[in-house]
Amino acid sequence: MAKKGSQILNFVAWLTGVLVSLAVGFAMIDGVLMIRWIPTVVTMLAGWIVVITTVIGVVLALMNQ
């Protein structure tokens, strides 16, 4: 069984990953974060994919608890 401190650290790392993924995804959707030599539409689509897969991951993680 993992120690309580380890569980808290794992949760903080997971939450940080979720927040960063959402920030990057929404920045790509809004056009703030661009990828050079790739059309804006493709970047926006990739942003939506990041946001949707992050939300699915969060839901699956919560269902697993």
N, C-alpha and C. Protein backbone atom coordinates (compact mmCIF):
# COMPACT_ATOMS: atom_id res chain seq x y z
N MET A 1 0.84 -1.18 0.00
CA MET A 1 0.00 0.00 0.00
C MET A 1 0.88 1.24 0.00
N ALA A 2 0.55 2.20 -0.85
CA ALA A 2 1.35 3.41 -0.98
C ALA A 2 1.14 4.30 0.24
N LYS A 3 2.18 5.04 0.56
CA LYS A 3 2.09 5.97 1.68
C LYS A 3 1.19 7.14 1.30
N LYS A 4 0.62 7.78 2.32
CA LYS A 4 -0.30 8.89 2.08
C LYS A 4 0.38 10.03 1.35
N GLY A 5 1.62 10.34 1.70
CA GLY A 5 2.36 11.41 1.03
C GLY A 5 2.56 11.11 -0.44
N SER A 6 2.80 9.85 -0.75
CA SER A 6 2.97 9.43 -2.14
C SER A 6 1.67 9.56 -2.92
N GLN A 7 0.56 9.23 -2.29
CA GLN A 7 -0.74 9.36 -2.95
C GLN A 7 -1.05 10.83 -3.25
N ILE A 8 -0.72 11.70 -2.31
CA ILE A 8 -0.97 13.14 -2.51
C ILE A 8 -0.09 13.67 -3.65
N LEU A 9 1.17 13.25 -3.68
CA LEU A 9 2.08 13.67 -4.73
C LEU A 9 1.61 13.17 -6.09
N ASN A 10 1.14 11.94 -6.15
CA ASN A 10 0.61 11.40 -7.40
C ASN A 10 -0.61 12.18 -7.87
N PHE A 11 -1.49 12.55 -6.94
CA PHE A 11 -2.67 13.33 -7.29
C PHE A 11 -2.29 14.72 -7.80
N VAL A 12 -1.33 15.36 -7.14
CA VAL A 12 -0.89 16.70 -7.57
C VAL A 12 -0.27 16.62 -8.97
N ALA A 13 0.52 15.60 -9.23
CA ALA A 13 1.13 15.44 -10.55
C ALA A 13 0.05 15.19 -11.61
N TRP A 14 -0.94 14.37 -11.29
CA TRP A 14 -2.04 14.08 -12.22
C TRP A 14 -2.84 15.35 -12.51
N LEU A 15 -3.18 16.10 -11.46
CA LEU A 15 -3.95 17.32 -11.61
C LEU A 15 -3.18 18.36 -12.43
N THR A 16 -1.89 18.46 -12.20
CA THR A 16 -1.05 19.38 -12.98
C THR A 16 -1.07 19.00 -14.45
N GLY A 17 -0.98 17.72 -14.74
CA GLY A 17 -1.03 17.26 -16.13
C GLY A 17 -2.36 17.59 -16.79
N VAL A 18 -3.44 17.43 -16.06
CA VAL A 18 -4.77 17.75 -16.60
C VAL A 18 -4.87 19.25 -16.89
N LEU A 19 -4.44 20.07 -15.96
CA LEU A 19 -4.53 21.52 -16.16
C LEU A 19 -3.66 22.00 -17.31
N VAL A 20 -2.45 21.45 -17.43
CA VAL A 20 -1.57 21.82 -18.53
C VAL A 20 -2.15 21.37 -19.87
N SER A 21 -2.70 20.17 -19.91
CA SER A 21 -3.31 19.68 -21.14
C SER A 21 -4.47 20.56 -21.57
N LEU A 22 -5.31 20.95 -20.63
CA LEU A 22 -6.43 21.83 -20.96
C LEU A 22 -5.95 23.21 -21.40
N ALA A 23 -4.93 23.73 -20.74
CA ALA A 23 -4.40 25.05 -21.12
C ALA A 23 -3.84 25.02 -22.54
N VAL A 24 -3.09 23.98 -22.86
CA VAL A 24 -2.52 23.86 -24.20
C VAL A 24 -3.62 23.66 -25.23
N GLY A 25 -4.58 22.79 -24.93
CA GLY A 25 -5.67 22.54 -25.87
C GLY A 25 -6.46 23.79 -26.16
N PHE A 26 -6.85 24.53 -25.12
CA PHE A 26 -7.64 25.75 -25.34
C PHE A 26 -6.82 26.84 -26.01
N ALA A 27 -5.51 26.90 -25.74
CA ALA A 27 -4.65 27.87 -26.43
C ALA A 27 -4.57 27.55 -27.92
N MET A 28 -4.54 26.27 -28.25
CA MET A 28 -4.53 25.88 -29.66
C MET A 28 -5.87 26.21 -30.33
N ILE A 29 -6.96 25.99 -29.62
CA ILE A 29 -8.29 26.30 -30.16
C ILE A 29 -8.44 27.80 -30.39
N ASP A 30 -7.99 28.61 -29.45
CA ASP A 30 -8.14 30.07 -29.54
C ASP A 30 -7.15 30.70 -30.50
N GLY A 31 -6.17 29.94 -30.97
CA GLY A 31 -5.17 30.49 -31.88
C GLY A 31 -4.02 31.18 -31.20
N VAL A 32 -3.94 31.10 -29.88
CA VAL A 32 -2.84 31.70 -29.14
C VAL A 32 -1.57 30.89 -29.33
N LEU A 33 -1.72 29.59 -29.35
CA LEU A 33 -0.59 28.68 -29.53
C LEU A 33 -0.65 28.13 -30.95
N MET A 34 0.30 28.52 -31.76
CA MET A 34 0.32 28.10 -33.16
C MET A 34 1.51 27.16 -33.40
N ILE A 35 1.35 26.28 -34.37
CA ILE A 35 2.42 25.40 -34.78
C ILE A 35 2.87 25.86 -36.16
N ARG A 36 4.13 26.23 -36.27
CA ARG A 36 4.65 26.77 -37.51
C ARG A 36 4.49 25.77 -38.65
N TRP A 37 4.15 26.27 -39.81
CA TRP A 37 3.99 25.50 -41.05
C TRP A 37 2.80 24.54 -41.05
N ILE A 38 1.94 24.63 -40.05
CA ILE A 38 0.72 23.81 -40.02
C ILE A 38 -0.47 24.77 -40.06
N PRO A 39 -1.43 24.52 -40.93
CA PRO A 39 -2.58 25.43 -41.04
C PRO A 39 -3.32 25.60 -39.71
N THR A 40 -3.92 26.76 -39.55
CA THR A 40 -4.63 27.09 -38.31
C THR A 40 -5.77 26.11 -38.04
N VAL A 41 -6.45 25.68 -39.08
CA VAL A 41 -7.58 24.76 -38.90
C VAL A 41 -7.10 23.44 -38.30
N VAL A 42 -5.95 22.96 -38.76
CA VAL A 42 -5.41 21.71 -38.24
C VAL A 42 -5.00 21.88 -36.77
N THR A 43 -4.42 23.03 -36.45
CA THR A 43 -4.03 23.31 -35.07
C THR A 43 -5.26 23.37 -34.16
N MET A 44 -6.32 24.01 -34.64
CA MET A 44 -7.55 24.08 -33.84
C MET A 44 -8.15 22.69 -33.65
N LEU A 45 -8.14 21.89 -34.69
CA LEU A 45 -8.65 20.52 -34.58
C LEU A 45 -7.82 19.72 -33.57
N ALA A 46 -6.52 19.86 -33.62
CA ALA A 46 -5.66 19.18 -32.65
C ALA A 46 -5.95 19.66 -31.23
N GLY A 47 -6.25 20.95 -31.07
CA GLY A 47 -6.62 21.48 -29.75
C GLY A 47 -7.88 20.84 -29.22
N TRP A 48 -8.88 20.68 -30.10
CA TRP A 48 -10.12 20.02 -29.68
C TRP A 48 -9.86 18.57 -29.31
N ILE A 49 -9.00 17.90 -30.04
CA ILE A 49 -8.67 16.51 -29.72
C ILE A 49 -8.02 16.42 -28.35
N VAL A 50 -7.11 17.36 -28.05
CA VAL A 50 -6.45 17.38 -26.74
C VAL A 50 -7.47 17.60 -25.62
N VAL A 51 -8.37 18.55 -25.81
CA VAL A 51 -9.38 18.85 -24.77
C VAL A 51 -10.31 17.66 -24.57
N ILE A 52 -10.81 17.09 -25.65
CA ILE A 52 -11.76 15.98 -25.54
C ILE A 52 -11.11 14.76 -24.89
N THR A 53 -9.89 14.41 -25.32
CA THR A 53 -9.23 13.24 -24.72
C THR A 53 -8.86 13.49 -23.26
N THR A 54 -8.56 14.73 -22.90
CA THR A 54 -8.28 15.04 -21.50
C THR A 54 -9.53 14.87 -20.65
N VAL A 55 -10.66 15.36 -21.14
CA VAL A 55 -11.92 15.22 -20.39
C VAL A 55 -12.29 13.74 -20.26
N ILE A 56 -12.13 12.98 -21.33
CA ILE A 56 -12.41 11.54 -21.27
C ILE A 56 -11.50 10.87 -20.25
N GLY A 57 -10.22 11.25 -20.25
CA GLY A 57 -9.29 10.69 -19.27
C GLY A 57 -9.66 11.00 -17.84
N VAL A 58 -10.14 12.23 -17.60
CA VAL A 58 -10.56 12.61 -16.25
C VAL A 58 -11.78 11.79 -15.83
N VAL A 59 -12.74 11.65 -16.74
CA VAL A 59 -13.95 10.88 -16.41
C VAL A 59 -13.58 9.43 -16.12
N LEU A 60 -12.73 8.84 -16.95
CA LEU A 60 -12.32 7.46 -16.72
C LEU A 60 -11.56 7.30 -15.41
N ALA A 61 -10.72 8.27 -15.09
CA ALA A 61 -9.96 8.20 -13.83
C ALA A 61 -10.91 8.29 -12.63
N LEU A 62 -11.91 9.15 -12.72
CA LEU A 62 -12.86 9.28 -11.61
C LEU A 62 -13.73 8.03 -11.48
N MET A 63 -14.07 7.41 -12.60
CA MET A 63 -14.86 6.18 -12.56
C MET A 63 -14.04 5.03 -11.97
N ASN A 64 -12.73 5.07 -12.14
CA ASN A 64 -11.86 4.01 -11.65
C ASN A 64 -11.68 4.08 -10.14
N GLN A 65 -11.97 5.23 -9.54
CA GLN A 65 -11.77 5.39 -8.09
C GLN A 65 -12.81 4.73 -7.31
